[in-house]
Amino acid sequence: MTDADACGNVWTGEGARFRLGRCVITRGALELAGAGWFNPAEVLSRHVACDWGNLCKEDEKALKNGERVLSAYELACGSKLYVITEWDRSVTTILLPEEY
């Protein structure tokens, strides 16, 4: 279950380890989501539960130190997807690597 306040700040229910802030998605990532290659809500749930996909455990240190948190997921279509939460937890962006 996902809850949002009036400003669009999103938190995910049980298992959430940090605040996502405002969630945004780039044009390229939105096109892949629209084509059914991934569900943005599921990707955000994985990210906020510290399932960082194809990355090592360095994000655990970033999370503890208040740094930017990055996830990288491989999609069935062969594309890679990034999810980045800024250090101040104000915004989380879903994007393709080429949109970075």
C-alpha atoms as a PDB file:
ATOM      1  CA  MET A   1       0.000   0.000   0.000  1.00  0.00           C
ATOM      2  CA  THR A   2       1.359   3.424  -0.928  1.00  0.00           C
ATOM      3  CA  ASP A   3       0.359   6.677   0.765  1.00  0.00           C
ATOM      4  CA  ALA A   4       0.980  10.217  -0.436  1.00  0.00           C
ATOM      5  CA  ASP A   5       0.485  13.572   1.221  1.00  0.00           C
ATOM      6  CA  ALA A   6      -0.895  16.714  -0.441  1.00  0.00           C
ATOM      7  CA  CYS A   7       2.547  17.574  -1.865  1.00  0.00           C
ATOM      8  CA  GLY A   8       2.942  14.217  -3.586  1.00  0.00           C
ATOM      9  CA  ASN A   9       5.502  12.881  -1.104  1.00  0.00           C
ATOM     10  CA  VAL A  10       5.279   9.107  -1.224  1.00  0.00           C
ATOM     11  CA  TRP A  11       5.976   6.526   1.443  1.00  0.00           C
ATOM     12  CA  THR A  12       5.556   2.811   0.987  1.00  0.00           C
ATOM     13  CA  GLY A  13       4.019   0.685   3.735  1.00  0.00           C
ATOM     14  CA  GLU A  14       5.787  -2.010   5.719  1.00  0.00           C
ATOM     15  CA  GLY A  15       9.385  -2.596   4.770  1.00  0.00           C
ATOM     16  CA  ALA A  16      10.119   1.012   3.796  1.00  0.00           C
ATOM     17  CA  ARG A  17      13.627   1.936   4.950  1.00  0.00           C
ATOM     18  CA  PHE A  18      13.656   5.583   3.873  1.00  0.00           C
ATOM     19  CA  ARG A  19      11.465   8.381   2.508  1.00  0.00           C
ATOM     20  CA  LEU A  20      11.131   8.655  -1.271  1.00  0.00           C
ATOM     21  CA  GLY A  21      10.066  12.305  -1.394  1.00  0.00           C
ATOM     22  CA  ARG A  22       8.372  13.391  -4.580  1.00  0.00           C
ATOM     23  CA  CYS A  23       8.458  10.662  -7.245  1.00  0.00           C
ATOM     24  CA  VAL A  24       9.100  11.567 -10.876  1.00  0.00           C
ATOM     25  CA  ILE A  25       9.720   9.561 -14.036  1.00  0.00           C
ATOM     26  CA  THR A  26      11.558  10.568 -17.204  1.00  0.00           C
ATOM     27  CA  ARG A  27      10.058  10.367 -20.672  1.00  0.00           C
ATOM     28  CA  GLY A  28      12.045   7.279 -21.727  1.00  0.00           C
ATOM     29  CA  ALA A  29      11.203   5.362 -18.551  1.00  0.00           C
ATOM     30  CA  LEU A  30       7.559   6.357 -18.884  1.00  0.00           C
ATOM     31  CA  GLU A  31       7.476   4.975 -22.418  1.00  0.00           C
ATOM     32  CA  LEU A  32       8.805   1.603 -21.194  1.00  0.00           C
ATOM     33  CA  ALA A  33       6.290   1.555 -18.343  1.00  0.00           C
ATOM     34  CA  GLY A  34       3.488   2.399 -20.780  1.00  0.00           C
ATOM     35  CA  ALA A  35       4.592  -0.503 -23.000  1.00  0.00           C
ATOM     36  CA  GLY A  36       4.262  -2.820 -19.995  1.00  0.00           C
ATOM     37  CA  TRP A  37       7.967  -3.537 -19.397  1.00  0.00           C
ATOM     38  CA  PHE A  38       7.785  -2.538 -15.736  1.00  0.00           C
ATOM     39  CA  ASN A  39       5.393  -1.226 -13.100  1.00  0.00           C
ATOM     40  CA  PRO A  40       6.679   2.010 -11.495  1.00  0.00           C
ATOM     41  CA  ALA A  41       4.977   1.235  -8.166  1.00  0.00           C
ATOM     42  CA  GLU A  42       6.695  -2.157  -7.957  1.00  0.00           C
ATOM     43  CA  VAL A  43      10.095  -0.662  -8.801  1.00  0.00           C
ATOM     44  CA  LEU A  44       9.656   2.024  -6.128  1.00  0.00           C
ATOM     45  CA  SER A  45       8.608  -0.606  -3.590  1.00  0.00           C
ATOM     46  CA  ARG A  46      11.761  -2.617  -4.293  1.00  0.00           C
ATOM     47  CA  HIS A  47      13.940   0.505  -4.099  1.00  0.00           C
ATOM     48  CA  VAL A  48      12.529   1.730  -0.774  1.00  0.00           C
ATOM     49  CA  ALA A  49      12.863  -1.790   0.699  1.00  0.00           C
ATOM     50  CA  CYS A  50      16.610  -1.712  -0.153  1.00  0.00           C
ATOM     51  CA  ASP A  51      16.403  -4.212  -3.016  1.00  0.00           C
ATOM     52  CA  TRP A  52      18.819  -2.306  -5.244  1.00  0.00           C
ATOM     53  CA  GLY A  53      18.754  -4.775  -8.117  1.00  0.00           C
ATOM     54  CA  ASN A  54      22.070  -5.185  -9.927  1.00  0.00           C
ATOM     55  CA  LEU A  55      24.094  -3.026  -7.526  1.00  0.00           C
ATOM     56  CA  CYS A  56      26.337  -4.034  -4.680  1.00  0.00           C
ATOM     57  CA  LYS A  57      25.639  -3.238  -1.047  1.00  0.00           C
ATOM     58  CA  GLU A  58      27.324   0.198  -1.252  1.00  0.00           C
ATOM     59  CA  ASP A  59      23.873   1.779  -1.026  1.00  0.00           C
ATOM     60  CA  GLU A  60      23.525   0.487   2.540  1.00  0.00           C
ATOM     61  CA  LYS A  61      26.442   2.771   3.448  1.00  0.00           C
ATOM     62  CA  ALA A  62      24.894   5.624   1.434  1.00  0.00           C
ATOM     63  CA  LEU A  63      21.614   5.152   3.264  1.00  0.00           C
ATOM     64  CA  LYS A  64      23.323   5.260   6.685  1.00  0.00           C
ATOM     65  CA  ASN A  65      25.434   8.294   5.716  1.00  0.00           C
ATOM     66  CA  GLY A  66      22.533  10.294   4.284  1.00  0.00           C
ATOM     67  CA  GLU A  67      23.828  10.135   0.703  1.00  0.00           C
ATOM     68  CA  ARG A  68      22.047   9.585  -2.608  1.00  0.00           C
ATOM     69  CA  VAL A  69      20.573   6.073  -3.017  1.00  0.00           C
ATOM     70  CA  LEU A  70      20.734   4.344  -6.425  1.00  0.00           C
ATOM     71  CA  SER A  71      19.062   1.179  -7.717  1.00  0.00           C
ATOM     72  CA  ALA A  72      19.617  -0.446 -11.116  1.00  0.00           C
ATOM     73  CA  TYR A  73      17.261  -3.031 -12.568  1.00  0.00           C
ATOM     74  CA  GLU A  74      17.536  -5.088 -15.746  1.00  0.00           C
ATOM     75  CA  LEU A  75      14.220  -5.252 -17.626  1.00  0.00           C
ATOM     76  CA  ALA A  76      13.009  -8.219 -19.696  1.00  0.00           C
ATOM     77  CA  CYS A  77      13.289  -6.071 -22.839  1.00  0.00           C
ATOM     78  CA  GLY A  78      17.040  -5.749 -22.239  1.00  0.00           C
ATOM     79  CA  SER A  79      16.945  -2.137 -21.061  1.00  0.00           C
ATOM     80  CA  LYS A  80      18.393  -1.032 -17.750  1.00  0.00           C
ATOM     81  CA  LEU A  81      16.417   1.168 -15.374  1.00  0.00           C
ATOM     82  CA  TYR A  82      17.757   3.445 -12.639  1.00  0.00           C
ATOM     83  CA  VAL A  83      15.951   4.684  -9.549  1.00  0.00           C
ATOM     84  CA  ILE A  84      17.694   7.510  -7.692  1.00  0.00           C
ATOM     85  CA  THR A  85      16.645   9.069  -4.388  1.00  0.00           C
ATOM     86  CA  GLU A  86      18.448  12.318  -3.640  1.00  0.00           C
ATOM     87  CA  TRP A  87      20.541  12.702  -0.486  1.00  0.00           C
ATOM     88  CA  ASP A  88      17.947  14.910   1.217  1.00  0.00           C
ATOM     89  CA  ARG A  89      15.125  12.450   0.313  1.00  0.00           C
ATOM     90  CA  SER A  90      13.252  15.248  -1.438  1.00  0.00           C
ATOM     91  CA  VAL A  91      12.803  13.478  -4.777  1.00  0.00           C
ATOM     92  CA  THR A  92      13.111  10.017  -6.312  1.00  0.00           C
ATOM     93  CA  THR A  93      13.561   9.704 -10.078  1.00  0.00           C
ATOM     94  CA  ILE A  94      12.948   6.677 -12.292  1.00  0.00           C
ATOM     95  CA  LEU A  95      15.064   6.997 -15.454  1.00  0.00           C
ATOM     96  CA  LEU A  96      17.022   5.220 -18.147  1.00  0.00           C
ATOM     97  CA  PRO A  97      20.834   5.342 -17.930  1.00  0.00           C
ATOM     98  CA  GLU A  98      21.035   7.455 -21.098  1.00  0.00           C
ATOM     99  CA  GLU A  99      18.768  10.045 -19.453  1.00  0.00           C
ATOM    100  CA  TYR A 100      21.136  10.502 -16.497  1.00  0.00           C
END
